[in-house]
């Protein structure tokens, strides 16, 4: 069973939310760190196809084991599986930079009681890439370093910068998936709140990696 934790309410999220994670994210290239998540981000589109294929399989294998356990533990049915969108607009990325989303979609399509909702949310306005410095943010096809454009997290940024299929999530139970959850960043919290604002019945959060930063 994946580890369970509580996402506290704050200015981004009105009510506390149940979260799960598979393992700690310890830092890139540190022992036992899930570096396959960094590979799958493919930030500057420099990863080779074999590395991406292997990293995608690692994510798929984890999801196909963890998500059914979460569905069962929370007694969910017809659960919509969604994926937190990347920081920049969808057309900013090459297909090889959307492999995490593809892994989530593939897993959702093969989990009983799950609905693939990875297309239900799409970034339409650039936001700041929180895991990168201000000078090298855009994950473009060319891999060139450019200004990390877009606003940093603020309450309501998801609704301001994303197109969400509200009719498809209204009154639904949702599992929102991200690759890495980091305490204090608040992008995940804001997206959870946006889904509630759009009429979701219940939102459970799940991440492969959990970065434990003391507040």
N, C-alpha and C. Protein backbone atom coordinates (compact mmCIF):
# COMPACT_ATOMS: atom_id res chain seq x y z
N UNK A 1 0.85 -1.19 0.00
CA UNK A 1 0.00 0.00 0.00
C UNK A 1 0.89 1.25 0.00
N UNK A 2 0.62 2.21 -0.88
CA UNK A 2 1.38 3.46 -0.85
C UNK A 2 1.20 4.19 0.47
N UNK A 3 2.17 5.03 0.80
CA UNK A 3 2.12 5.78 2.06
C UNK A 3 1.04 6.85 2.00
N UNK A 4 0.29 6.97 3.08
CA UNK A 4 -0.79 7.95 3.16
C UNK A 4 -0.32 9.16 3.95
N UNK A 5 -0.74 10.34 3.51
CA UNK A 5 -0.42 11.56 4.26
C UNK A 5 -1.57 12.56 4.09
N UNK A 6 -1.49 13.63 4.81
CA UNK A 6 -2.54 14.65 4.76
C UNK A 6 -1.99 15.94 4.18
N UNK A 7 -2.68 16.46 3.18
CA UNK A 7 -2.34 17.77 2.64
C UNK A 7 -3.17 18.81 3.40
N UNK A 8 -2.49 19.67 4.11
CA UNK A 8 -3.17 20.63 4.98
C UNK A 8 -3.85 21.73 4.17
N UNK A 9 -4.89 22.28 4.74
CA UNK A 9 -5.56 23.43 4.12
C UNK A 9 -4.68 24.66 4.29
N UNK A 10 -4.77 25.56 3.33
CA UNK A 10 -4.03 26.82 3.39
C UNK A 10 -4.70 27.81 2.44
N UNK A 11 -4.03 28.86 2.04
CA UNK A 11 -4.67 29.85 1.18
C UNK A 11 -4.92 29.31 -0.22
N UNK A 12 -4.28 28.20 -0.59
CA UNK A 12 -4.50 27.58 -1.89
C UNK A 12 -5.61 26.54 -1.86
N UNK A 13 -5.81 25.95 -0.71
CA UNK A 13 -6.72 24.81 -0.57
C UNK A 13 -7.61 24.99 0.64
N UNK A 14 -8.92 25.01 0.42
CA UNK A 14 -9.87 25.33 1.49
C UNK A 14 -9.92 24.25 2.57
N UNK A 15 -9.90 22.99 2.16
CA UNK A 15 -10.01 21.91 3.14
C UNK A 15 -8.89 20.90 2.96
N UNK A 16 -8.53 20.26 4.06
CA UNK A 16 -7.46 19.27 4.00
C UNK A 16 -7.85 18.12 3.07
N UNK A 17 -6.84 17.49 2.48
CA UNK A 17 -7.07 16.48 1.46
C UNK A 17 -6.18 15.27 1.72
N UNK A 18 -6.71 14.11 1.43
CA UNK A 18 -5.94 12.87 1.58
C UNK A 18 -4.97 12.72 0.42
N UNK A 19 -3.73 12.40 0.74
CA UNK A 19 -2.72 12.18 -0.28
C UNK A 19 -2.01 10.86 -0.07
N UNK A 20 -1.40 10.36 -1.12
CA UNK A 20 -0.59 9.14 -1.06
C UNK A 20 0.69 9.37 -1.86
N UNK A 21 1.74 8.65 -1.50
CA UNK A 21 2.95 8.68 -2.30
C UNK A 21 3.60 7.31 -2.27
N UNK A 22 4.42 7.04 -3.29
CA UNK A 22 5.05 5.73 -3.39
C UNK A 22 6.38 5.66 -2.65
N UNK A 23 7.17 6.74 -2.71
CA UNK A 23 8.48 6.75 -2.07
C UNK A 23 8.96 8.19 -1.92
N UNK A 24 10.00 8.38 -1.11
CA UNK A 24 10.56 9.71 -0.94
C UNK A 24 11.40 10.09 -2.16
N UNK A 25 11.33 11.36 -2.53
CA UNK A 25 12.25 11.92 -3.51
C UNK A 25 13.37 12.56 -2.72
N UNK A 26 14.58 12.02 -2.84
CA UNK A 26 15.70 12.38 -1.97
C UNK A 26 16.63 13.42 -2.56
N UNK A 27 16.55 13.60 -3.87
CA UNK A 27 17.46 14.51 -4.56
C UNK A 27 18.12 13.80 -5.72
N UNK A 28 18.23 14.49 -6.84
CA UNK A 28 18.74 13.89 -8.06
C UNK A 28 20.11 13.25 -7.87
N UNK A 29 20.22 12.00 -8.29
CA UNK A 29 21.44 11.18 -8.24
C UNK A 29 21.86 10.77 -6.83
N UNK A 30 21.01 11.02 -5.84
CA UNK A 30 21.30 10.51 -4.51
C UNK A 30 20.91 9.03 -4.45
N UNK A 31 21.54 8.25 -3.57
CA UNK A 31 21.23 6.82 -3.49
C UNK A 31 19.74 6.56 -3.27
N UNK A 32 19.20 5.62 -4.04
CA UNK A 32 17.80 5.19 -3.95
C UNK A 32 16.79 6.26 -4.36
N UNK A 33 17.25 7.33 -4.98
CA UNK A 33 16.31 8.35 -5.46
C UNK A 33 15.65 7.87 -6.76
N UNK A 34 14.37 8.15 -6.95
CA UNK A 34 13.70 7.76 -8.20
C UNK A 34 14.07 8.68 -9.36
N UNK A 35 15.30 8.56 -9.84
CA UNK A 35 15.80 9.43 -10.90
C UNK A 35 15.06 9.23 -12.22
N UNK A 36 14.34 8.12 -12.34
CA UNK A 36 13.56 7.90 -13.56
C UNK A 36 12.51 8.99 -13.75
N UNK A 37 12.13 9.65 -12.67
CA UNK A 37 11.17 10.75 -12.78
C UNK A 37 11.81 11.94 -13.49
N UNK A 38 13.08 12.21 -13.19
CA UNK A 38 13.80 13.28 -13.89
C UNK A 38 13.98 12.94 -15.36
N UNK A 39 14.28 11.68 -15.62
CA UNK A 39 14.42 11.24 -17.01
C UNK A 39 13.12 11.48 -17.77
N UNK A 40 12.02 11.14 -17.14
CA UNK A 40 10.73 11.24 -17.81
C UNK A 40 10.30 12.68 -18.03
N UNK A 41 10.75 13.60 -17.18
CA UNK A 41 10.47 15.01 -17.43
C UNK A 41 11.08 15.45 -18.76
N UNK A 42 12.30 14.96 -19.02
CA UNK A 42 12.97 15.25 -20.29
C UNK A 42 12.93 16.75 -20.59
N UNK A 43 13.33 17.52 -19.60
CA UNK A 43 13.13 18.97 -19.61
C UNK A 43 13.64 19.66 -20.87
N UNK A 44 14.81 19.26 -21.34
CA UNK A 44 15.37 19.90 -22.53
C UNK A 44 15.38 18.98 -23.75
N UNK A 45 14.55 17.94 -23.68
CA UNK A 45 14.38 17.02 -24.80
C UNK A 45 15.70 16.42 -25.26
N UNK A 46 16.47 15.95 -24.29
CA UNK A 46 17.78 15.38 -24.60
C UNK A 46 17.88 13.89 -24.25
N UNK A 47 16.84 13.32 -23.65
CA UNK A 47 16.88 11.91 -23.25
C UNK A 47 16.69 11.01 -24.47
N UNK A 48 17.42 9.89 -24.50
CA UNK A 48 17.26 8.97 -25.61
C UNK A 48 16.02 8.11 -25.43
N UNK A 49 15.56 7.52 -26.51
CA UNK A 49 14.30 6.80 -26.51
C UNK A 49 14.29 5.60 -25.57
N UNK A 50 15.42 4.92 -25.44
CA UNK A 50 15.48 3.75 -24.57
C UNK A 50 15.35 4.15 -23.10
N UNK A 51 16.01 5.26 -22.73
CA UNK A 51 15.90 5.75 -21.35
C UNK A 51 14.47 6.17 -21.03
N UNK A 52 13.82 6.83 -21.99
CA UNK A 52 12.43 7.26 -21.79
C UNK A 52 11.50 6.06 -21.68
N UNK A 53 11.72 5.07 -22.51
CA UNK A 53 10.90 3.86 -22.49
C UNK A 53 11.02 3.15 -21.15
N UNK A 54 12.24 3.05 -20.64
CA UNK A 54 12.47 2.41 -19.36
C UNK A 54 11.85 3.19 -18.21
N UNK A 55 12.00 4.51 -18.24
CA UNK A 55 11.43 5.36 -17.19
C UNK A 55 9.91 5.31 -17.20
N UNK A 56 9.33 5.30 -18.40
CA UNK A 56 7.87 5.21 -18.51
C UNK A 56 7.37 3.90 -17.93
N UNK A 57 8.08 2.81 -18.21
CA UNK A 57 7.67 1.51 -17.67
C UNK A 57 7.74 1.51 -16.15
N UNK A 58 8.77 2.16 -15.58
CA UNK A 58 8.88 2.24 -14.12
C UNK A 58 7.67 2.94 -13.51
N UNK A 59 7.26 4.05 -14.13
CA UNK A 59 6.08 4.78 -13.63
C UNK A 59 4.81 3.95 -13.81
N UNK A 60 4.66 3.36 -14.99
CA UNK A 60 3.48 2.53 -15.27
C UNK A 60 3.36 1.39 -14.26
N UNK A 61 4.45 0.70 -14.00
CA UNK A 61 4.42 -0.44 -13.09
C UNK A 61 4.05 -0.02 -11.67
N UNK A 62 4.50 1.15 -11.25
CA UNK A 62 4.14 1.66 -9.93
C UNK A 62 2.66 2.01 -9.87
N UNK A 63 2.18 2.72 -10.88
CA UNK A 63 0.78 3.15 -10.89
C UNK A 63 -0.17 1.97 -10.95
N UNK A 64 0.16 0.97 -11.76
CA UNK A 64 -0.73 -0.16 -11.94
C UNK A 64 -0.87 -0.99 -10.66
N UNK A 65 0.10 -0.80 -9.75
CA UNK A 65 0.04 -1.47 -8.45
C UNK A 65 -0.61 -0.59 -7.39
N UNK A 66 -0.23 0.70 -7.35
CA UNK A 66 -0.68 1.59 -6.27
C UNK A 66 -2.11 2.07 -6.43
N UNK A 67 -2.50 2.47 -7.64
CA UNK A 67 -3.81 3.10 -7.82
C UNK A 67 -4.96 2.17 -7.48
N UNK A 68 -4.95 0.89 -7.89
CA UNK A 68 -6.04 0.00 -7.48
C UNK A 68 -6.16 -0.12 -5.96
N UNK A 69 -5.04 -0.08 -5.25
CA UNK A 69 -5.09 -0.14 -3.79
C UNK A 69 -5.76 1.10 -3.21
N UNK A 70 -5.48 2.26 -3.80
CA UNK A 70 -6.10 3.50 -3.34
C UNK A 70 -7.60 3.48 -3.63
N UNK A 71 -7.96 3.00 -4.81
CA UNK A 71 -9.38 2.90 -5.17
C UNK A 71 -10.11 1.99 -4.19
N UNK A 72 -9.51 0.86 -3.87
CA UNK A 72 -10.14 -0.09 -2.95
C UNK A 72 -10.22 0.47 -1.54
N UNK A 73 -9.14 1.09 -1.07
CA UNK A 73 -9.10 1.62 0.30
C UNK A 73 -10.13 2.71 0.52
N UNK A 74 -10.44 3.45 -0.55
CA UNK A 74 -11.39 4.57 -0.43
C UNK A 74 -12.76 4.24 -1.01
N UNK A 75 -12.95 2.97 -1.38
CA UNK A 75 -14.24 2.49 -1.87
C UNK A 75 -14.76 3.35 -3.02
N UNK A 76 -13.91 3.57 -4.01
CA UNK A 76 -14.26 4.41 -5.14
C UNK A 76 -14.75 3.57 -6.32
N UNK A 77 -15.63 4.15 -7.11
CA UNK A 77 -16.08 3.50 -8.34
C UNK A 77 -16.11 4.55 -9.45
N UNK A 78 -15.83 4.11 -10.68
CA UNK A 78 -15.78 5.03 -11.82
C UNK A 78 -14.93 6.25 -11.49
N UNK A 79 -13.76 5.98 -10.95
CA UNK A 79 -12.86 7.03 -10.48
C UNK A 79 -12.11 7.65 -11.66
N UNK A 80 -12.10 8.96 -11.75
CA UNK A 80 -11.42 9.66 -12.83
C UNK A 80 -9.96 9.88 -12.45
N UNK A 81 -9.06 9.39 -13.29
CA UNK A 81 -7.63 9.56 -13.07
C UNK A 81 -7.15 10.75 -13.88
N UNK A 82 -6.67 11.78 -13.21
CA UNK A 82 -6.19 12.98 -13.87
C UNK A 82 -4.72 13.21 -13.56
N UNK A 83 -4.08 14.02 -14.36
CA UNK A 83 -2.65 14.26 -14.23
C UNK A 83 -2.40 15.76 -14.17
N UNK A 84 -1.62 16.19 -13.19
CA UNK A 84 -1.30 17.61 -13.10
C UNK A 84 -0.58 18.04 -14.37
N UNK A 85 -1.06 19.10 -15.06
CA UNK A 85 -0.40 19.52 -16.30
C UNK A 85 0.96 20.14 -16.04
N UNK A 86 1.85 20.04 -17.02
CA UNK A 86 3.16 20.66 -16.89
C UNK A 86 3.03 22.17 -16.88
N UNK A 87 4.12 22.85 -16.54
CA UNK A 87 4.06 24.29 -16.28
C UNK A 87 3.76 25.14 -17.51
N UNK A 88 4.24 24.70 -18.67
CA UNK A 88 4.05 25.49 -19.88
C UNK A 88 2.88 24.94 -20.69
N UNK A 89 2.45 25.69 -21.68
CA UNK A 89 1.33 25.27 -22.51
C UNK A 89 1.64 23.94 -23.19
N UNK A 90 0.60 23.18 -23.46
CA UNK A 90 0.77 21.85 -24.02
C UNK A 90 1.59 21.85 -25.30
N UNK A 91 1.36 22.85 -26.16
CA UNK A 91 2.07 22.88 -27.45
C UNK A 91 3.54 23.31 -27.30
N UNK A 92 3.97 23.63 -26.08
CA UNK A 92 5.37 23.94 -25.84
C UNK A 92 6.24 22.69 -25.79
N UNK A 93 5.60 21.54 -25.62
CA UNK A 93 6.33 20.31 -25.39
C UNK A 93 6.24 19.35 -26.57
N UNK A 94 7.33 18.66 -26.80
CA UNK A 94 7.35 17.57 -27.76
C UNK A 94 6.69 16.36 -27.10
N UNK A 95 6.25 15.41 -27.91
CA UNK A 95 5.63 14.20 -27.37
C UNK A 95 6.55 13.49 -26.37
N UNK A 96 7.85 13.56 -26.62
CA UNK A 96 8.81 12.90 -25.73
C UNK A 96 8.96 13.62 -24.39
N UNK A 97 8.28 14.75 -24.23
CA UNK A 97 8.30 15.47 -22.96
C UNK A 97 6.96 15.34 -22.23
N UNK A 98 6.10 14.50 -22.75
CA UNK A 98 4.80 14.26 -22.14
C UNK A 98 4.65 12.79 -21.74
N UNK A 99 5.79 12.14 -21.51
CA UNK A 99 5.78 10.70 -21.25
C UNK A 99 5.19 10.33 -19.88
N UNK A 100 5.32 11.23 -18.90
CA UNK A 100 4.70 10.94 -17.61
C UNK A 100 3.18 10.90 -17.77
N UNK A 101 2.64 11.88 -18.45
CA UNK A 101 1.21 11.91 -18.72
C UNK A 101 0.78 10.67 -19.50
N UNK A 102 1.60 10.25 -20.45
CA UNK A 102 1.28 9.06 -21.24
C UNK A 102 1.27 7.81 -20.37
N UNK A 103 2.19 7.74 -19.42
CA UNK A 103 2.24 6.60 -18.51
C UNK A 103 0.99 6.56 -17.63
N UNK A 104 0.56 7.72 -17.15
CA UNK A 104 -0.65 7.80 -16.34
C UNK A 104 -1.87 7.36 -17.16
N UNK A 105 -1.94 7.84 -18.39
CA UNK A 105 -3.05 7.48 -19.27
C UNK A 105 -3.08 5.98 -19.53
N UNK A 106 -1.92 5.39 -19.81
CA UNK A 106 -1.85 3.95 -20.08
C UNK A 106 -2.28 3.14 -18.86
N UNK A 107 -1.84 3.58 -17.68
CA UNK A 107 -2.21 2.87 -16.46
C UNK A 107 -3.71 2.98 -16.20
N UNK A 108 -4.25 4.19 -16.33
CA UNK A 108 -5.68 4.41 -16.09
C UNK A 108 -6.54 3.54 -17.00
N UNK A 109 -6.07 3.36 -18.23
CA UNK A 109 -6.83 2.56 -19.21
C UNK A 109 -6.82 1.08 -18.87
N UNK A 110 -5.92 0.68 -17.96
CA UNK A 110 -5.79 -0.74 -17.62
C UNK A 110 -6.09 -1.04 -16.16
N UNK A 111 -6.76 -0.10 -15.50
CA UNK A 111 -7.16 -0.29 -14.10
C UNK A 111 -8.67 -0.38 -14.01
N UNK A 112 -9.15 -1.46 -13.46
CA UNK A 112 -10.59 -1.64 -13.31
C UNK A 112 -11.18 -0.59 -12.38
N UNK A 113 -12.27 0.02 -12.79
CA UNK A 113 -12.91 1.04 -11.98
C UNK A 113 -12.33 2.42 -12.17
N UNK A 114 -11.44 2.57 -13.16
CA UNK A 114 -10.82 3.86 -13.41
C UNK A 114 -11.21 4.40 -14.78
N UNK A 115 -11.27 5.70 -14.88
CA UNK A 115 -11.54 6.39 -16.14
C UNK A 115 -10.34 7.26 -16.46
N UNK A 116 -9.85 7.16 -17.68
CA UNK A 116 -8.71 7.98 -18.09
C UNK A 116 -9.17 9.42 -18.31
N UNK A 117 -8.79 10.29 -17.38
CA UNK A 117 -9.15 11.70 -17.48
C UNK A 117 -7.95 12.59 -17.72
N UNK A 118 -6.89 12.02 -18.28
CA UNK A 118 -5.66 12.81 -18.47
C UNK A 118 -5.83 13.92 -19.50
N UNK A 119 -6.88 13.84 -20.30
CA UNK A 119 -7.14 14.90 -21.28
C UNK A 119 -8.15 15.93 -20.76
N UNK A 120 -8.57 15.79 -19.52
CA UNK A 120 -9.60 16.66 -18.98
C UNK A 120 -9.06 18.01 -18.50
N UNK A 121 -7.75 18.13 -18.41
CA UNK A 121 -7.15 19.40 -17.99
C UNK A 121 -5.94 19.68 -18.87
N UNK A 122 -5.83 20.92 -19.33
CA UNK A 122 -4.76 21.29 -20.25
C UNK A 122 -4.28 22.70 -19.94
N UNK A 123 -2.97 22.87 -19.88
CA UNK A 123 -2.39 24.19 -19.63
C UNK A 123 -2.48 25.03 -20.91
N UNK A 124 -3.07 26.21 -20.81
CA UNK A 124 -3.21 27.07 -21.98
C UNK A 124 -2.47 28.40 -21.83
N UNK A 125 -1.92 28.64 -20.64
CA UNK A 125 -1.10 29.84 -20.39
C UNK A 125 0.14 29.39 -19.63
N UNK A 126 1.31 29.84 -20.06
CA UNK A 126 2.55 29.46 -19.39
C UNK A 126 2.56 29.89 -17.93
N UNK A 127 3.14 29.03 -17.08
CA UNK A 127 3.40 29.38 -15.69
C UNK A 127 4.88 29.12 -15.39
N UNK A 128 5.33 29.60 -14.27
CA UNK A 128 6.73 29.43 -13.87
C UNK A 128 7.02 27.96 -13.60
N UNK A 129 8.13 27.46 -14.12
CA UNK A 129 8.55 26.09 -13.86
C UNK A 129 9.26 26.06 -12.52
N UNK A 130 8.59 25.54 -11.49
CA UNK A 130 9.05 25.72 -10.12
C UNK A 130 10.33 24.95 -9.79
N UNK A 131 10.66 23.91 -10.55
CA UNK A 131 11.86 23.13 -10.23
C UNK A 131 13.10 23.62 -10.98
N UNK A 132 12.97 24.75 -11.70
CA UNK A 132 14.09 25.28 -12.47
C UNK A 132 14.38 26.73 -12.11
N UNK A 133 15.62 27.20 -12.33
CA UNK A 133 15.94 28.61 -12.11
C UNK A 133 15.19 29.50 -13.09
N UNK A 134 15.24 30.79 -12.85
CA UNK A 134 14.49 31.72 -13.68
C UNK A 134 15.02 31.83 -15.10
N UNK A 135 16.26 31.43 -15.35
CA UNK A 135 16.85 31.65 -16.66
C UNK A 135 16.74 30.47 -17.62
N UNK A 136 16.29 29.28 -17.14
CA UNK A 136 16.29 28.11 -18.02
C UNK A 136 15.00 27.31 -17.92
N UNK A 137 13.89 28.00 -17.95
CA UNK A 137 12.65 27.32 -17.65
C UNK A 137 11.92 26.61 -18.75
N UNK A 138 11.93 27.10 -19.98
CA UNK A 138 11.05 26.52 -20.99
C UNK A 138 11.58 25.18 -21.49
N UNK A 139 10.73 24.15 -21.40
CA UNK A 139 11.11 22.82 -21.89
C UNK A 139 10.75 22.72 -23.36
N UNK A 140 11.45 23.41 -24.19
CA UNK A 140 11.13 23.48 -25.62
C UNK A 140 11.72 22.31 -26.38
N UNK A 141 11.22 22.09 -27.57
CA UNK A 141 11.70 21.01 -28.42
C UNK A 141 13.19 21.17 -28.71
N UNK A 142 13.63 22.40 -28.87
CA UNK A 142 15.04 22.66 -29.20
C UNK A 142 15.96 22.48 -28.02
N UNK A 143 15.41 22.56 -26.80
CA UNK A 143 16.23 22.45 -25.61
C UNK A 143 17.02 23.70 -25.30
N UNK A 144 16.78 24.79 -25.99
CA UNK A 144 17.52 26.03 -25.76
C UNK A 144 17.12 26.66 -24.43
N UNK A 145 18.10 27.28 -23.80
CA UNK A 145 17.84 27.96 -22.54
C UNK A 145 17.17 29.30 -22.79
N UNK A 146 16.05 29.52 -22.15
CA UNK A 146 15.35 30.79 -22.27
C UNK A 146 14.85 31.22 -20.90
N UNK A 147 14.24 32.37 -20.86
CA UNK A 147 13.70 32.87 -19.60
C UNK A 147 12.57 31.96 -19.11
N UNK A 148 12.57 31.70 -17.82
CA UNK A 148 11.51 30.90 -17.21
C UNK A 148 10.28 31.78 -17.05
N UNK A 149 9.53 31.90 -18.12
CA UNK A 149 8.40 32.83 -18.13
C UNK A 149 7.19 32.26 -17.40
N UNK A 150 6.25 33.13 -17.12
CA UNK A 150 5.03 32.72 -16.46
C UNK A 150 5.04 33.08 -14.98
N UNK A 151 3.84 33.21 -14.43
CA UNK A 151 3.71 33.60 -13.03
C UNK A 151 4.00 32.44 -12.09
N UNK A 152 4.54 32.79 -10.94
CA UNK A 152 4.78 31.81 -9.89
C UNK A 152 3.45 31.48 -9.20
N UNK A 153 3.41 30.37 -8.44
CA UNK A 153 2.14 29.93 -7.84
C UNK A 153 1.45 31.01 -7.01
N UNK A 154 0.16 31.13 -7.24
CA UNK A 154 -0.71 31.99 -6.45
C UNK A 154 -2.08 31.34 -6.40
N UNK A 155 -2.91 31.62 -5.40
CA UNK A 155 -4.22 31.00 -5.32
C UNK A 155 -5.06 31.31 -6.56
N UNK A 156 -5.51 30.26 -7.24
CA UNK A 156 -6.33 30.42 -8.43
C UNK A 156 -5.57 30.30 -9.73
N UNK A 157 -4.28 30.03 -9.68
CA UNK A 157 -3.47 29.97 -10.90
C UNK A 157 -3.92 28.85 -11.83
N UNK A 158 -4.39 27.74 -11.28
CA UNK A 158 -4.84 26.64 -12.13
C UNK A 158 -6.02 27.06 -12.99
N UNK A 159 -7.00 27.67 -12.39
CA UNK A 159 -8.20 28.08 -13.14
C UNK A 159 -7.86 29.19 -14.14
N UNK A 160 -6.87 30.02 -13.81
CA UNK A 160 -6.49 31.12 -14.70
C UNK A 160 -5.68 30.64 -15.90
N UNK A 161 -4.98 29.52 -15.76
CA UNK A 161 -4.04 29.10 -16.80
C UNK A 161 -4.37 27.76 -17.44
N UNK A 162 -5.44 27.12 -17.01
CA UNK A 162 -5.79 25.81 -17.54
C UNK A 162 -7.22 25.77 -18.08
N UNK A 163 -7.40 24.91 -19.05
CA UNK A 163 -8.74 24.61 -19.55
C UNK A 163 -9.15 23.28 -18.94
N UNK A 164 -10.25 23.28 -18.19
CA UNK A 164 -10.70 22.09 -17.47
C UNK A 164 -12.08 21.68 -17.96
N UNK A 165 -12.24 20.41 -18.25
CA UNK A 165 -13.54 19.89 -18.72
C UNK A 165 -14.46 19.68 -17.53
N UNK A 166 -15.08 20.77 -17.08
CA UNK A 166 -15.87 20.72 -15.86
C UNK A 166 -17.04 19.75 -15.94
N UNK A 167 -17.65 19.60 -17.10
CA UNK A 167 -18.80 18.70 -17.24
C UNK A 167 -18.39 17.24 -17.04
N UNK A 168 -17.12 16.94 -17.30
CA UNK A 168 -16.65 15.56 -17.19
C UNK A 168 -16.15 15.22 -15.79
N UNK A 169 -15.97 16.23 -14.95
CA UNK A 169 -15.51 15.95 -13.58
C UNK A 169 -16.56 16.27 -12.52
N UNK A 170 -17.63 16.93 -12.93
CA UNK A 170 -18.66 17.30 -11.95
C UNK A 170 -19.25 16.06 -11.30
N UNK A 171 -19.29 16.08 -9.97
CA UNK A 171 -19.84 14.99 -9.14
C UNK A 171 -19.03 13.70 -9.24
N UNK A 172 -17.81 13.79 -9.76
CA UNK A 172 -16.97 12.59 -9.89
C UNK A 172 -15.94 12.51 -8.75
N UNK A 173 -15.51 11.29 -8.47
CA UNK A 173 -14.38 11.06 -7.58
C UNK A 173 -13.12 11.06 -8.42
N UNK A 174 -12.11 11.80 -7.99
CA UNK A 174 -10.91 12.00 -8.80
C UNK A 174 -9.66 11.63 -8.03
N UNK A 175 -8.74 10.97 -8.72
CA UNK A 175 -7.39 10.81 -8.21
C UNK A 175 -6.50 11.68 -9.09
N UNK A 176 -5.92 12.71 -8.48
CA UNK A 176 -5.03 13.63 -9.19
C UNK A 176 -3.60 13.17 -8.99
N UNK A 177 -2.88 12.94 -10.08
CA UNK A 177 -1.53 12.37 -10.02
C UNK A 177 -0.48 13.38 -10.46
N UNK A 178 0.60 13.43 -9.71
CA UNK A 178 1.77 14.24 -10.07
C UNK A 178 3.01 13.37 -9.90
N UNK A 179 4.10 13.75 -10.55
CA UNK A 179 5.30 12.94 -10.42
C UNK A 179 5.97 13.13 -9.06
N UNK A 180 6.10 14.38 -8.62
CA UNK A 180 6.76 14.68 -7.36
C UNK A 180 5.95 15.72 -6.59
N UNK A 181 5.68 15.43 -5.32
CA UNK A 181 5.01 16.40 -4.46
C UNK A 181 6.05 17.03 -3.54
N UNK A 182 6.07 18.34 -3.50
CA UNK A 182 6.98 19.07 -2.62
C UNK A 182 6.18 19.99 -1.71
N UNK A 183 6.34 19.80 -0.43
CA UNK A 183 5.65 20.64 0.54
C UNK A 183 6.05 22.09 0.32
N UNK A 184 5.08 22.99 0.37
CA UNK A 184 5.22 24.46 0.27
C UNK A 184 5.16 25.00 -1.16
N UNK A 185 5.25 24.16 -2.21
CA UNK A 185 5.16 24.67 -3.58
C UNK A 185 3.73 25.11 -3.89
N UNK A 186 2.75 24.28 -3.51
CA UNK A 186 1.32 24.60 -3.58
C UNK A 186 0.67 24.54 -4.97
N UNK A 187 1.39 24.07 -5.97
CA UNK A 187 0.77 23.86 -7.28
C UNK A 187 -0.28 22.75 -7.20
N UNK A 188 0.05 21.66 -6.50
CA UNK A 188 -0.90 20.55 -6.36
C UNK A 188 -2.12 20.98 -5.56
N UNK A 189 -1.88 21.72 -4.48
CA UNK A 189 -3.00 22.20 -3.66
C UNK A 189 -3.95 23.06 -4.48
N UNK A 190 -3.39 23.94 -5.31
CA UNK A 190 -4.23 24.82 -6.10
C UNK A 190 -5.04 24.04 -7.13
N UNK A 191 -4.43 23.01 -7.72
CA UNK A 191 -5.14 22.21 -8.70
C UNK A 191 -6.27 21.41 -8.04
N UNK A 192 -6.01 20.88 -6.86
CA UNK A 192 -7.06 20.18 -6.12
C UNK A 192 -8.24 21.11 -5.88
N UNK A 193 -7.96 22.33 -5.43
CA UNK A 193 -9.03 23.29 -5.18
C UNK A 193 -9.79 23.62 -6.44
N UNK A 194 -9.09 23.76 -7.56
CA UNK A 194 -9.74 24.05 -8.83
C UNK A 194 -10.72 22.94 -9.21
N UNK A 195 -10.34 21.70 -8.97
CA UNK A 195 -11.22 20.57 -9.28
C UNK A 195 -12.47 20.60 -8.39
N UNK A 196 -12.28 20.94 -7.12
CA UNK A 196 -13.44 21.09 -6.24
C UNK A 196 -14.33 22.24 -6.72
N UNK A 197 -13.71 23.34 -7.12
CA UNK A 197 -14.48 24.49 -7.61
C UNK A 197 -15.29 24.14 -8.85
N UNK A 198 -14.77 23.19 -9.64
CA UNK A 198 -15.44 22.75 -10.86
C UNK A 198 -16.50 21.68 -10.60
N UNK A 199 -16.69 21.31 -9.34
CA UNK A 199 -17.78 20.40 -9.01
C UNK A 199 -17.40 18.98 -8.69
N UNK A 200 -16.11 18.68 -8.55
CA UNK A 200 -15.69 17.32 -8.20
C UNK A 200 -16.27 16.92 -6.85
N UNK A 201 -16.65 15.66 -6.73
CA UNK A 201 -17.22 15.16 -5.49
C UNK A 201 -16.14 14.97 -4.43
N UNK A 202 -15.05 14.32 -4.83
CA UNK A 202 -13.94 14.06 -3.92
C UNK A 202 -12.65 14.01 -4.73
N UNK A 203 -11.58 14.57 -4.18
CA UNK A 203 -10.28 14.55 -4.85
C UNK A 203 -9.26 13.93 -3.91
N UNK A 204 -8.63 12.88 -4.38
CA UNK A 204 -7.53 12.24 -3.66
C UNK A 204 -6.26 12.50 -4.47
N UNK A 205 -5.20 12.84 -3.79
CA UNK A 205 -3.94 13.16 -4.46
C UNK A 205 -2.97 11.99 -4.36
N UNK A 206 -2.17 11.81 -5.43
CA UNK A 206 -1.15 10.77 -5.43
C UNK A 206 0.09 11.26 -6.16
N UNK A 207 1.25 10.98 -5.60
CA UNK A 207 2.53 11.30 -6.25
C UNK A 207 3.45 10.09 -6.16
N UNK A 208 4.27 9.92 -7.18
CA UNK A 208 5.28 8.87 -7.12
C UNK A 208 6.31 9.21 -6.05
N UNK A 209 6.83 10.45 -6.10
CA UNK A 209 7.85 10.89 -5.16
C UNK A 209 7.34 11.97 -4.23
N UNK A 210 7.85 11.99 -3.02
CA UNK A 210 7.46 12.97 -2.00
C UNK A 210 8.73 13.64 -1.47
N UNK A 211 8.81 14.93 -1.65
CA UNK A 211 9.96 15.69 -1.14
C UNK A 211 9.59 16.27 0.21
N UNK A 212 10.28 15.83 1.23
CA UNK A 212 9.95 16.24 2.59
C UNK A 212 10.79 17.44 3.00
N UNK A 213 10.26 18.63 2.75
CA UNK A 213 10.93 19.87 3.13
C UNK A 213 10.25 20.45 4.35
N UNK A 214 11.01 20.70 5.38
CA UNK A 214 10.42 21.25 6.60
C UNK A 214 9.95 22.67 6.36
N UNK A 215 8.78 22.96 6.89
CA UNK A 215 8.21 24.30 6.75
C UNK A 215 8.92 25.26 7.68
